[in-house]
Amino acid sequence: MNIDSYSFGKIVIEGICFNSDLIIYPEKVDASWWRKVGHRVQLEDLTAVLATSPEVLIIGTGYMGLMKVPEELRKELRKKNIELYIEDSRRAVEIFNSINTKRRTIAAFHLTC
């Protein structure tokens, strides 16, 4: 799966346009992703992701990078040996497109802020 483009509030994946926060799995896109606390990712927000045992998790924190990823979540992912990238969503797209075909990669994107 490849991300064609990203701009504030909009991401195009394999020719399909999405306007809401989403998670990209190797085999599907979940365009209904929302967090318990809007601009903060918590472990419970990634339950479905962790159930698939990714090698890599990329978190796109928004156009300006305002979504927060707490240290507790980072520690839990390290314990599970999941390589973690946390970047503003523009940079996260670049990382995703460069590694998603090489390793089992999942990406969670906040599209605004």
PDB file of N, CA and C in Angstrom:
ATOM      1  N   MET A   1       0.853  -1.172   0.000  1.00  0.00           N
ATOM      2  CA  MET A   1       0.000   0.000   0.000  1.00  0.00           C
ATOM      3  C   MET A   1       0.899   1.235   0.000  1.00  0.00           C
ATOM      4  N   ASN A   2       0.484   2.260  -0.733  1.00  0.00           N
ATOM      5  CA  ASN A   2       1.290   3.458  -0.860  1.00  0.00           C
ATOM      6  C   ASN A   2       0.416   4.689  -0.614  1.00  0.00           C
ATOM      7  N   ILE A   3       1.001   5.696  -0.003  1.00  0.00           N
ATOM      8  CA  ILE A   3       0.304   6.967   0.185  1.00  0.00           C
ATOM      9  C   ILE A   3       0.672   7.853  -0.998  1.00  0.00           C
ATOM     10  N   ASP A   4      -0.344   8.284  -1.739  1.00  0.00           N
ATOM     11  CA  ASP A   4      -0.114   9.111  -2.921  1.00  0.00           C
ATOM     12  C   ASP A   4       0.198  10.551  -2.539  1.00  0.00           C
ATOM     13  N   SER A   5      -0.550  11.088  -1.560  1.00  0.00           N
ATOM     14  CA  SER A   5      -0.324  12.478  -1.154  1.00  0.00           C
ATOM     15  C   SER A   5      -0.955  12.742   0.210  1.00  0.00           C
ATOM     16  N   TYR A   6      -0.475  13.827   0.821  1.00  0.00           N
ATOM     17  CA  TYR A   6      -1.022  14.279   2.103  1.00  0.00           C
ATOM     18  C   TYR A   6      -0.989  15.798   2.114  1.00  0.00           C
ATOM     19  N   SER A   7      -2.073  16.393   2.573  1.00  0.00           N
ATOM     20  CA  SER A   7      -2.130  17.819   2.861  1.00  0.00           C
ATOM     21  C   SER A   7      -3.040  17.979   4.073  1.00  0.00           C
ATOM     22  N   PHE A   8      -3.075  19.148   4.647  1.00  0.00           N
ATOM     23  CA  PHE A   8      -3.849  19.375   5.867  1.00  0.00           C
ATOM     24  C   PHE A   8      -5.272  18.838   5.700  1.00  0.00           C
ATOM     25  N   GLY A   9      -5.625  17.853   6.520  1.00  0.00           N
ATOM     26  CA  GLY A   9      -6.969  17.301   6.528  1.00  0.00           C
ATOM     27  C   GLY A   9      -7.292  16.316   5.419  1.00  0.00           C
ATOM     28  N   LYS A  10      -6.318  15.941   4.603  1.00  0.00           N
ATOM     29  CA  LYS A  10      -6.595  15.062   3.460  1.00  0.00           C
ATOM     30  C   LYS A  10      -5.397  14.164   3.159  1.00  0.00           C
ATOM     31  N   ILE A  11      -5.689  12.875   2.988  1.00  0.00           N
ATOM     32  CA  ILE A  11      -4.645  11.924   2.605  1.00  0.00           C
ATOM     33  C   ILE A  11      -5.220  11.045   1.488  1.00  0.00           C
ATOM     34  N   VAL A  12      -4.400  10.767   0.488  1.00  0.00           N
ATOM     35  CA  VAL A  12      -4.823   9.927  -0.631  1.00  0.00           C
ATOM     36  C   VAL A  12      -3.971   8.661  -0.604  1.00  0.00           C
ATOM     37  N   ILE A  13      -4.652   7.513  -0.509  1.00  0.00           N
ATOM     38  CA  ILE A  13      -3.990   6.212  -0.412  1.00  0.00           C
ATOM     39  C   ILE A  13      -4.491   5.344  -1.553  1.00  0.00           C
ATOM     40  N   GLU A  14      -3.561   4.931  -2.415  1.00  0.00           N
ATOM     41  CA  GLU A  14      -3.931   4.081  -3.560  1.00  0.00           C
ATOM     42  C   GLU A  14      -5.097   4.687  -4.339  1.00  0.00           C
ATOM     43  N   GLY A  15      -5.072   6.020  -4.514  1.00  0.00           N
ATOM     44  CA  GLY A  15      -6.088   6.707  -5.306  1.00  0.00           C
ATOM     45  C   GLY A  15      -7.374   7.049  -4.582  1.00  0.00           C
ATOM     46  N   ILE A  16      -7.500   6.647  -3.322  1.00  0.00           N
ATOM     47  CA  ILE A  16      -8.721   6.921  -2.553  1.00  0.00           C
ATOM     48  C   ILE A  16      -8.442   8.034  -1.548  1.00  0.00           C
ATOM     49  N   CYS A  17      -9.308   9.040  -1.541  1.00  0.00           N
ATOM     50  CA  CYS A  17      -9.142  10.205  -0.667  1.00  0.00           C
ATOM     51  C   CYS A  17      -9.845   9.977   0.675  1.00  0.00           C
ATOM     52  N   PHE A  18      -9.142  10.297   1.751  1.00  0.00           N
ATOM     53  CA  PHE A  18      -9.688  10.197   3.106  1.00  0.00           C
ATOM     54  C   PHE A  18      -9.559  11.558   3.782  1.00  0.00           C
ATOM     55  N   ASN A  19     -10.574  11.916   4.584  1.00  0.00           N
ATOM     56  CA  ASN A  19     -10.571  13.199   5.279  1.00  0.00           C
ATOM     57  C   ASN A  19     -10.710  13.064   6.778  1.00  0.00           C
ATOM     58  N   SER A  20     -10.480  11.859   7.306  1.00  0.00           N
ATOM     59  CA  SER A  20     -10.551  11.659   8.751  1.00  0.00           C
ATOM     60  C   SER A  20      -9.324  10.866   9.202  1.00  0.00           C
ATOM     61  N   ASP A  21      -9.007  10.983  10.480  1.00  0.00           N
ATOM     62  CA  ASP A  21      -7.870  10.246  11.031  1.00  0.00           C
ATOM     63  C   ASP A  21      -8.045   8.766  10.739  1.00  0.00           C
ATOM     64  N   LEU A  22      -6.933   8.086  10.507  1.00  0.00           N
ATOM     65  CA  LEU A  22      -7.029   6.692  10.080  1.00  0.00           C
ATOM     66  C   LEU A  22      -5.803   5.893  10.469  1.00  0.00           C
ATOM     67  N   ILE A  23      -5.966   4.581  10.334  1.00  0.00           N
ATOM     68  CA  ILE A  23      -4.860   3.646  10.539  1.00  0.00           C
ATOM     69  C   ILE A  23      -4.698   2.852   9.253  1.00  0.00           C
ATOM     70  N   ILE A  24      -3.465   2.774   8.782  1.00  0.00           N
ATOM     71  CA  ILE A  24      -3.159   1.991   7.589  1.00  0.00           C
ATOM     72  C   ILE A  24      -2.521   0.682   8.025  1.00  0.00           C
ATOM     73  N   TYR A  25      -3.213  -0.411   7.733  1.00  0.00           N
ATOM     74  CA  TYR A  25      -2.700  -1.759   7.964  1.00  0.00           C
ATOM     75  C   TYR A  25      -2.161  -2.274   6.625  1.00  0.00           C
ATOM     76  N   PRO A  26      -1.364  -3.315   6.623  1.00  0.00           N
ATOM     77  CA  PRO A  26      -0.863  -3.829   5.339  1.00  0.00           C
ATOM     78  C   PRO A  26      -1.977  -4.216   4.367  1.00  0.00           C
ATOM     79  N   GLU A  27      -3.104  -4.657   4.890  1.00  0.00           N
ATOM     80  CA  GLU A  27      -4.162  -5.159   4.016  1.00  0.00           C
ATOM     81  C   GLU A  27      -5.410  -4.277   3.941  1.00  0.00           C
ATOM     82  N   LYS A  28      -5.469  -3.184   4.726  1.00  0.00           N
ATOM     83  CA  LYS A  28      -6.677  -2.348   4.739  1.00  0.00           C
ATOM     84  C   LYS A  28      -6.400  -0.985   5.358  1.00  0.00           C
ATOM     85  N   VAL A  29      -7.369  -0.095   5.189  1.00  0.00           N
ATOM     86  CA  VAL A  29      -7.343   1.219   5.835  1.00  0.00           C
ATOM     87  C   VAL A  29      -8.559   1.308   6.741  1.00  0.00           C
ATOM     88  N   ASP A  30      -8.327   1.676   7.996  1.00  0.00           N
ATOM     89  CA  ASP A  30      -9.416   1.898   8.947  1.00  0.00           C
ATOM     90  C   ASP A  30      -9.599   3.409   9.077  1.00  0.00           C
ATOM     91  N   ALA A  31     -10.609   3.930   8.393  1.00  0.00           N
ATOM     92  CA  ALA A  31     -10.847   5.375   8.379  1.00  0.00           C
ATOM     93  C   ALA A  31     -11.757   5.835   9.512  1.00  0.00           C
ATOM     94  N   SER A  32     -11.969   4.987  10.498  1.00  0.00           N
ATOM     95  CA  SER A  32     -12.827   5.364  11.624  1.00  0.00           C
ATOM     96  C   SER A  32     -12.035   5.540  12.915  1.00  0.00           C
ATOM     97  N   TRP A  33     -10.722   5.693  12.810  1.00  0.00           N
ATOM     98  CA  TRP A  33      -9.890   5.796  14.008  1.00  0.00           C
ATOM     99  C   TRP A  33     -10.114   7.116  14.725  1.00  0.00           C
ATOM    100  N   TRP A  34     -10.376   7.015  16.000  1.00  0.00           N
ATOM    101  CA  TRP A  34     -10.452   8.194  16.853  1.00  0.00           C
ATOM    102  C   TRP A  34      -9.911   7.814  18.214  1.00  0.00           C
ATOM    103  N   ARG A  35      -9.369   8.764  18.887  1.00  0.00           N
ATOM    104  CA  ARG A  35      -8.755   8.526  20.181  1.00  0.00           C
ATOM    105  C   ARG A  35      -9.674   8.942  21.325  1.00  0.00           C
ATOM    106  N   LYS A  36      -9.482   8.295  22.456  1.00  0.00           N
ATOM    107  CA  LYS A  36     -10.267   8.622  23.651  1.00  0.00           C
ATOM    108  C   LYS A  36     -10.094  10.098  24.007  1.00  0.00           C
ATOM    109  N   VAL A  37      -8.866  10.575  23.925  1.00  0.00           N
ATOM    110  CA  VAL A  37      -8.555  11.989  24.134  1.00  0.00           C
ATOM    111  C   VAL A  37      -8.017  12.505  22.802  1.00  0.00           C
ATOM    112  N   GLY A  38      -8.740  13.403  22.164  1.00  0.00           N
ATOM    113  CA  GLY A  38      -8.491  13.837  20.795  1.00  0.00           C
ATOM    114  C   GLY A  38      -7.060  14.022  20.337  1.00  0.00           C
ATOM    115  N   HIS A  39      -6.248  14.755  21.063  1.00  0.00           N
ATOM    116  CA  HIS A  39      -4.889  15.045  20.606  1.00  0.00           C
ATOM    117  C   HIS A  39      -3.824  14.333  21.439  1.00  0.00           C
ATOM    118  N   ARG A  40      -4.160  13.151  21.914  1.00  0.00           N
ATOM    119  CA  ARG A  40      -3.233  12.354  22.711  1.00  0.00           C
ATOM    120  C   ARG A  40      -3.491  10.880  22.414  1.00  0.00           C
ATOM    121  N   VAL A  41      -2.483  10.174  21.964  1.00  0.00           N
ATOM    122  CA  VAL A  41      -2.622   8.744  21.677  1.00  0.00           C
ATOM    123  C   VAL A  41      -2.345   7.971  22.955  1.00  0.00           C
ATOM    124  N   GLN A  42      -3.236   7.045  23.283  1.00  0.00           N
ATOM    125  CA  GLN A  42      -3.056   6.205  24.452  1.00  0.00           C
ATOM    126  C   GLN A  42      -3.021   4.744  24.008  1.00  0.00           C
ATOM    127  N   LEU A  43      -2.538   3.893  24.859  1.00  0.00           N
ATOM    128  CA  LEU A  43      -2.426   2.476  24.540  1.00  0.00           C
ATOM    129  C   LEU A  43      -3.763   1.899  24.066  1.00  0.00           C
ATOM    130  N   GLU A  44      -4.836   2.257  24.729  1.00  0.00           N
ATOM    131  CA  GLU A  44      -6.147   1.718  24.355  1.00  0.00           C
ATOM    132  C   GLU A  44      -6.597   2.177  22.969  1.00  0.00           C
ATOM    133  N   ASP A  45      -6.027   3.260  22.461  1.00  0.00           N
ATOM    134  CA  ASP A  45      -6.347   3.730  21.115  1.00  0.00           C
ATOM    135  C   ASP A  45      -5.704   2.863  20.037  1.00  0.00           C
ATOM    136  N   LEU A  46      -4.760   2.030  20.435  1.00  0.00           N
ATOM    137  CA  LEU A  46      -4.009   1.205  19.493  1.00  0.00           C
ATOM    138  C   LEU A  46      -4.210  -0.290  19.728  1.00  0.00           C
ATOM    139  N   THR A  47      -5.261  -0.664  20.419  1.00  0.00           N
ATOM    140  CA  THR A  47      -5.517  -2.071  20.727  1.00  0.00           C
ATOM    141  C   THR A  47      -5.552  -2.933  19.471  1.00  0.00           C
ATOM    142  N   ALA A  48      -6.279  -2.508  18.464  1.00  0.00           N
ATOM    143  CA  ALA A  48      -6.376  -3.281  17.217  1.00  0.00           C
ATOM    144  C   ALA A  48      -5.029  -3.360  16.511  1.00  0.00           C
ATOM    145  N   VAL A  49      -4.266  -2.294  16.571  1.00  0.00           N
ATOM    146  CA  VAL A  49      -2.925  -2.274  15.961  1.00  0.00           C
ATOM    147  C   VAL A  49      -2.037  -3.304  16.640  1.00  0.00           C
ATOM    148  N   LEU A  50      -1.990  -3.294  17.946  1.00  0.00           N
ATOM    149  CA  LEU A  50      -1.109  -4.201  18.685  1.00  0.00           C
ATOM    150  C   LEU A  50      -1.509  -5.659  18.505  1.00  0.00           C
ATOM    151  N   ALA A  51      -2.785  -5.909  18.275  1.00  0.00           N
ATOM    152  CA  ALA A  51      -3.258  -7.285  18.059  1.00  0.00           C
ATOM    153  C   ALA A  51      -2.710  -7.881  16.769  1.00  0.00           C
ATOM    154  N   THR A  52      -2.228  -7.044  15.861  1.00  0.00           N
ATOM    155  CA  THR A  52      -1.692  -7.534  14.580  1.00  0.00           C
ATOM    156  C   THR A  52      -0.180  -7.714  14.598  1.00  0.00           C
ATOM    157  N   SER A  53       0.457  -7.428  15.724  1.00  0.00           N
ATOM    158  CA  SER A  53       1.900  -7.600  15.907  1.00  0.00           C
ATOM    159  C   SER A  53       2.756  -6.945  14.819  1.00  0.00           C
ATOM    160  N   PRO A  54       2.681  -5.624  14.697  1.00  0.00           N
ATOM    161  CA  PRO A  54       3.519  -4.964  13.696  1.00  0.00           C
ATOM    162  C   PRO A  54       4.986  -4.972  14.099  1.00  0.00           C
ATOM    163  N   GLU A  55       5.861  -4.905  13.126  1.00  0.00           N
ATOM    164  CA  GLU A  55       7.287  -4.699  13.392  1.00  0.00           C
ATOM    165  C   GLU A  55       7.558  -3.219  13.607  1.00  0.00           C
ATOM    166  N   VAL A  56       6.813  -2.396  12.853  1.00  0.00           N
ATOM    167  CA  VAL A  56       7.005  -0.947  12.875  1.00  0.00           C
ATOM    168  C   VAL A  56       5.651  -0.269  13.037  1.00  0.00           C
ATOM    169  N   LEU A  57       5.617   0.759  13.882  1.00  0.00           N
ATOM    170  CA  LEU A  57       4.442   1.614  14.005  1.00  0.00           C
ATOM    171  C   LEU A  57       4.886   3.042  13.745  1.00  0.00           C
ATOM    172  N   ILE A  58       4.208   3.667  12.811  1.00  0.00           N
ATOM    173  CA  ILE A  58       4.463   5.073  12.498  1.00  0.00           C
ATOM    174  C   ILE A  58       3.261   5.872  12.963  1.00  0.00           C
ATOM    175  N   ILE A  59       3.510   6.904  13.746  1.00  0.00           N
ATOM    176  CA  ILE A  59       2.429   7.773  14.202  1.00  0.00           C
ATOM    177  C   ILE A  59       2.649   9.150  13.590  1.00  0.00           C
ATOM    178  N   GLY A  60       1.694   9.547  12.747  1.00  0.00           N
ATOM    179  CA  GLY A  60       1.705  10.887  12.174  1.00  0.00           C
ATOM    180  C   GLY A  60       0.925  11.797  13.094  1.00  0.00           C
ATOM    181  N   THR A  61       1.597  12.773  13.663  1.00  0.00           N
ATOM    182  CA  THR A  61       1.024  13.598  14.729  1.00  0.00           C
ATOM    183  C   THR A  61       0.298  14.842  14.238  1.00  0.00           C
ATOM    184  N   GLY A  62      -0.007  14.905  12.954  1.00  0.00           N
ATOM    185  CA  GLY A  62      -0.738  16.043  12.404  1.00  0.00           C
ATOM    186  C   GLY A  62       0.156  16.934  11.569  1.00  0.00           C
ATOM    187  N   TYR A  63      -0.456  17.832  10.846  1.00  0.00           N
ATOM    188  CA  TYR A  63       0.282  18.716   9.934  1.00  0.00           C
ATOM    189  C   TYR A  63       1.342  19.521  10.681  1.00  0.00           C
ATOM    190  N   MET A  64       0.980  20.021  11.849  1.00  0.00           N
ATOM    191  CA  MET A  64       1.922  20.797  12.660  1.00  0.00           C
ATOM    192  C   MET A  64       2.497  19.988  13.820  1.00  0.00           C
ATOM    193  N   GLY A  65       2.142  18.705  13.890  1.00  0.00           N
ATOM    194  CA  GLY A  65       2.702  17.826  14.915  1.00  0.00           C
ATOM    195  C   GLY A  65       2.153  18.039  16.310  1.00  0.00           C
ATOM    196  N   LEU A  66       0.899  18.422  16.424  1.00  0.00           N
ATOM    197  CA  LEU A  66       0.346  18.765  17.736  1.00  0.00           C
ATOM    198  C   LEU A  66      -0.181  17.583  18.551  1.00  0.00           C
ATOM    199  N   MET A  67      -0.407  16.429  17.920  1.00  0.00           N
ATOM    200  CA  MET A  67      -0.887  15.278  18.687  1.00  0.00           C
ATOM    201  C   MET A  67       0.263  14.725  19.539  1.00  0.00           C
ATOM    202  N   LYS A  68      -0.019  14.383  20.773  1.00  0.00           N
ATOM    203  CA  LYS A  68       1.005  13.928  21.717  1.00  0.00           C
ATOM    204  C   LYS A  68       1.018  12.404  21.853  1.00  0.00           C
ATOM    205  N   VAL A  69       2.208  11.876  22.055  1.00  0.00           N
ATOM    206  CA  VAL A  69       2.399  10.447  22.303  1.00  0.00           C
ATOM    207  C   VAL A  69       3.128  10.335  23.634  1.00  0.00           C
ATOM    208  N   PRO A  70       2.426   9.938  24.704  1.00  0.00           N
ATOM    209  CA  PRO A  70       3.039   9.919  26.034  1.00  0.00           C
ATOM    210  C   PRO A  70       4.134   8.863  26.171  1.00  0.00           C
ATOM    211  N   GLU A  71       5.014   9.103  27.104  1.00  0.00           N
ATOM    212  CA  GLU A  71       6.151   8.208  27.350  1.00  0.00           C
ATOM    213  C   GLU A  71       5.694   6.801  27.736  1.00  0.00           C
ATOM    214  N   GLU A  72       4.577   6.683  28.455  1.00  0.00           N
ATOM    215  CA  GLU A  72       4.086   5.350  28.857  1.00  0.00           C
ATOM    216  C   GLU A  72       3.804   4.490  27.618  1.00  0.00           C
ATOM    217  N   LEU A  73       3.229   5.090  26.599  1.00  0.00           N
ATOM    218  CA  LEU A  73       2.947   4.359  25.365  1.00  0.00           C
ATOM    219  C   LEU A  73       4.250   3.977  24.662  1.00  0.00           C
ATOM    220  N   ARG A  74       5.176   4.886  24.619  1.00  0.00           N
ATOM    221  CA  ARG A  74       6.477   4.606  23.991  1.00  0.00           C
ATOM    222  C   ARG A  74       7.165   3.427  24.680  1.00  0.00           C
ATOM    223  N   LYS A  75       7.130   3.408  26.008  1.00  0.00           N
ATOM    224  CA  LYS A  75       7.753   2.320  26.773  1.00  0.00           C
ATOM    225  C   LYS A  75       7.086   0.983  26.469  1.00  0.00           C
ATOM    226  N   GLU A  76       5.760   0.981  26.404  1.00  0.00           N
ATOM    227  CA  GLU A  76       5.022  -0.250  26.132  1.00  0.00           C
ATOM    228  C   GLU A  76       5.371  -0.799  24.744  1.00  0.00           C
ATOM    229  N   LEU A  77       5.491   0.063  23.787  1.00  0.00           N
ATOM    230  CA  LEU A  77       5.857  -0.372  22.438  1.00  0.00           C
ATOM    231  C   LEU A  77       7.281  -0.919  22.404  1.00  0.00           C
ATOM    232  N   ARG A  78       8.177  -0.299  23.146  1.00  0.00           N
ATOM    233  CA  ARG A  78       9.558  -0.822  23.235  1.00  0.00           C
ATOM    234  C   ARG A  78       9.558  -2.218  23.846  1.00  0.00           C
ATOM    235  N   LYS A  79       8.754  -2.424  24.891  1.00  0.00           N
ATOM    236  CA  LYS A  79       8.664  -3.749  25.524  1.00  0.00           C
ATOM    237  C   LYS A  79       8.188  -4.809  24.535  1.00  0.00           C
ATOM    238  N   LYS A  80       7.348  -4.400  23.607  1.00  0.00           N
ATOM    239  CA  LYS A  80       6.815  -5.319  22.603  1.00  0.00           C
ATOM    240  C   LYS A  80       7.716  -5.404  21.361  1.00  0.00           C
ATOM    241  N   ASN A  81       8.888  -4.766  21.440  1.00  0.00           N
ATOM    242  CA  ASN A  81       9.852  -4.751  20.327  1.00  0.00           C
ATOM    243  C   ASN A  81       9.259  -4.198  19.040  1.00  0.00           C
ATOM    244  N   ILE A  82       8.436  -3.184  19.163  1.00  0.00           N
ATOM    245  CA  ILE A  82       7.868  -2.512  18.004  1.00  0.00           C
ATOM    246  C   ILE A  82       8.675  -1.231  17.773  1.00  0.00           C
ATOM    247  N   GLU A  83       9.263  -1.135  16.600  1.00  0.00           N
ATOM    248  CA  GLU A  83      10.015   0.068  16.244  1.00  0.00           C
ATOM    249  C   GLU A  83       9.011   1.199  16.029  1.00  0.00           C
ATOM    250  N   LEU A  84       9.273   2.343  16.629  1.00  0.00           N
ATOM    251  CA  LEU A  84       8.307   3.437  16.634  1.00  0.00           C
ATOM    252  C   LEU A  84       8.893   4.684  15.989  1.00  0.00           C
ATOM    253  N   TYR A  85       8.123   5.257  15.085  1.00  0.00           N
ATOM    254  CA  TYR A  85       8.444   6.557  14.497  1.00  0.00           C
ATOM    255  C   TYR A  85       7.312   7.497  14.864  1.00  0.00           C
ATOM    256  N   ILE A  86       7.656   8.651  15.404  1.00  0.00           N
ATOM    257  CA  ILE A  86       6.675   9.679  15.741  1.00  0.00           C
ATOM    258  C   ILE A  86       7.125  10.948  15.030  1.00  0.00           C
ATOM    259  N   GLU A  87       6.333  11.374  14.052  1.00  0.00           N
ATOM    260  CA  GLU A  87       6.703  12.530  13.241  1.00  0.00           C
ATOM    261  C   GLU A  87       5.445  13.301  12.871  1.00  0.00           C
ATOM    262  N   ASP A  88       5.634  14.567  12.453  1.00  0.00           N
ATOM    263  CA  ASP A  88       4.477  15.264  11.902  1.00  0.00           C
ATOM    264  C   ASP A  88       4.008  14.448  10.695  1.00  0.00           C
ATOM    265  N   SER A  89       2.766  14.580  10.338  1.00  0.00           N
ATOM    266  CA  SER A  89       2.181  13.681   9.338  1.00  0.00           C
ATOM    267  C   SER A  89       2.850  13.785   7.970  1.00  0.00           C
ATOM    268  N   ARG A  90       3.381  14.943   7.618  1.00  0.00           N
ATOM    269  CA  ARG A  90       4.089  15.058   6.331  1.00  0.00           C
ATOM    270  C   ARG A  90       5.312  14.147   6.314  1.00  0.00           C
ATOM    271  N   ARG A  91       6.108  14.201   7.342  1.00  0.00           N
ATOM    272  CA  ARG A  91       7.315  13.368   7.426  1.00  0.00           C
ATOM    273  C   ARG A  91       6.937  11.895   7.606  1.00  0.00           C
ATOM    274  N   ALA A  92       5.873  11.632   8.368  1.00  0.00           N
ATOM    275  CA  ALA A  92       5.427  10.250   8.585  1.00  0.00           C
ATOM    276  C   ALA A  92       5.035   9.582   7.266  1.00  0.00           C
ATOM    277  N   VAL A  93       4.441  10.338   6.347  1.00  0.00           N
ATOM    278  CA  VAL A  93       4.104   9.800   5.026  1.00  0.00           C
ATOM    279  C   VAL A  93       5.368   9.355   4.300  1.00  0.00           C
ATOM    280  N   GLU A  94       6.396  10.176   4.325  1.00  0.00           N
ATOM    281  CA  GLU A  94       7.665   9.837   3.674  1.00  0.00           C
ATOM    282  C   GLU A  94       8.256   8.552   4.254  1.00  0.00           C
ATOM    283  N   ILE A  95       8.252   8.457   5.570  1.00  0.00           N
ATOM    284  CA  ILE A  95       8.798   7.263   6.228  1.00  0.00           C
ATOM    285  C   ILE A  95       7.975   6.039   5.853  1.00  0.00           C
ATOM    286  N   PHE A  96       6.653   6.165   5.924  1.00  0.00           N
ATOM    287  CA  PHE A  96       5.783   5.040   5.591  1.00  0.00           C
ATOM    288  C   PHE A  96       6.059   4.540   4.174  1.00  0.00           C
ATOM    289  N   ASN A  97       6.087   5.440   3.220  1.00  0.00           N
ATOM    290  CA  ASN A  97       6.294   5.029   1.832  1.00  0.00           C
ATOM    291  C   ASN A  97       7.674   4.411   1.604  1.00  0.00           C
ATOM    292  N   SER A  98       8.632   4.768   2.422  1.00  0.00           N
ATOM    293  CA  SER A  98       9.980   4.219   2.227  1.00  0.00           C
ATOM    294  C   SER A  98      10.177   2.841   2.861  1.00  0.00           C
ATOM    295  N   ILE A  99       9.361   2.468   3.866  1.00  0.00           N
ATOM    296  CA  ILE A  99       9.620   1.185   4.541  1.00  0.00           C
ATOM    297  C   ILE A  99       8.457   0.201   4.544  1.00  0.00           C
ATOM    298  N   ASN A 100       7.254   0.619   4.168  1.00  0.00           N
ATOM    299  CA  ASN A 100       6.092  -0.259   4.361  1.00  0.00           C
ATOM    300  C   ASN A 100       6.136  -1.548   3.560  1.00  0.00           C
ATOM    301  N   THR A 101       6.878  -1.597   2.474  1.00  0.00           N
ATOM    302  CA  THR A 101       6.955  -2.847   1.704  1.00  0.00           C
ATOM    303  C   THR A 101       8.083  -3.756   2.183  1.00  0.00           C
ATOM    304  N   LYS A 102       8.921  -3.237   3.064  1.00  0.00           N
ATOM    305  CA  LYS A 102      10.076  -4.010   3.537  1.00  0.00           C
ATOM    306  C   LYS A 102       9.825  -4.707   4.868  1.00  0.00           C
ATOM    307  N   ARG A 103       8.936  -4.142   5.686  1.00  0.00           N
ATOM    308  CA  ARG A 103       8.662  -4.682   7.015  1.00  0.00           C
ATOM    309  C   ARG A 103       7.181  -4.543   7.308  1.00  0.00           C
ATOM    310  N   ARG A 104       6.678  -5.351   8.239  1.00  0.00           N
ATOM    311  CA  ARG A 104       5.246  -5.266   8.596  1.00  0.00           C
ATOM    312  C   ARG A 104       5.021  -3.943   9.322  1.00  0.00           C
ATOM    313  N   THR A 105       4.510  -2.975   8.568  1.00  0.00           N
ATOM    314  CA  THR A 105       4.384  -1.600   9.039  1.00  0.00           C
ATOM    315  C   THR A 105       2.917  -1.203   9.132  1.00  0.00           C
ATOM    316  N   ILE A 106       2.594  -0.550  10.233  1.00  0.00           N
ATOM    317  CA  ILE A 106       1.269   0.031  10.414  1.00  0.00           C
ATOM    318  C   ILE A 106       1.478   1.512  10.734  1.00  0.00           C
ATOM    319  N   ALA A 107       0.568   2.342  10.208  1.00  0.00           N
ATOM    320  CA  ALA A 107       0.684   3.778  10.442  1.00  0.00           C
ATOM    321  C   ALA A 107      -0.648   4.337  10.924  1.00  0.00           C
ATOM    322  N   ALA A 108      -0.583   5.181  11.931  1.00  0.00           N
ATOM    323  CA  ALA A 108      -1.757   5.874  12.464  1.00  0.00           C
ATOM    324  C   ALA A 108      -1.567   7.360  12.201  1.00  0.00           C
ATOM    325  N   PHE A 109      -2.510   7.949  11.471  1.00  0.00           N
ATOM    326  CA  PHE A 109      -2.370   9.340  11.054  1.00  0.00           C
ATOM    327  C   PHE A 109      -3.453  10.246  11.608  1.00  0.00           C
ATOM    328  N   HIS A 110      -2.990  11.337  12.227  1.00  0.00           N
ATOM    329  CA  HIS A 110      -3.856  12.470  12.559  1.00  0.00           C
ATOM    330  C   HIS A 110      -3.686  13.412  11.373  1.00  0.00           C
ATOM    331  N   LEU A 111      -4.772  13.833  10.741  1.00  0.00           N
ATOM    332  CA  LEU A 111      -4.663  14.565   9.493  1.00  0.00           C
ATOM    333  C   LEU A 111      -4.675  16.082   9.620  1.00  0.00           C
ATOM    334  N   THR A 112      -5.164  16.598  10.751  1.00  0.00           N
ATOM    335  CA  THR A 112      -5.198  18.047  10.919  1.00  0.00           C
ATOM    336  C   THR A 112      -4.144  18.462  11.945  1.00  0.00           C
ATOM    337  N   CYS A 113      -4.273  19.601  12.499  1.00  0.00           N
ATOM    338  CA  CYS A 113      -3.403  20.155  13.551  1.00  0.00           C
ATOM    339  C   CYS A 113      -1.955  19.782  13.375  1.00  0.00           C
TER     340      CYS A 113
END
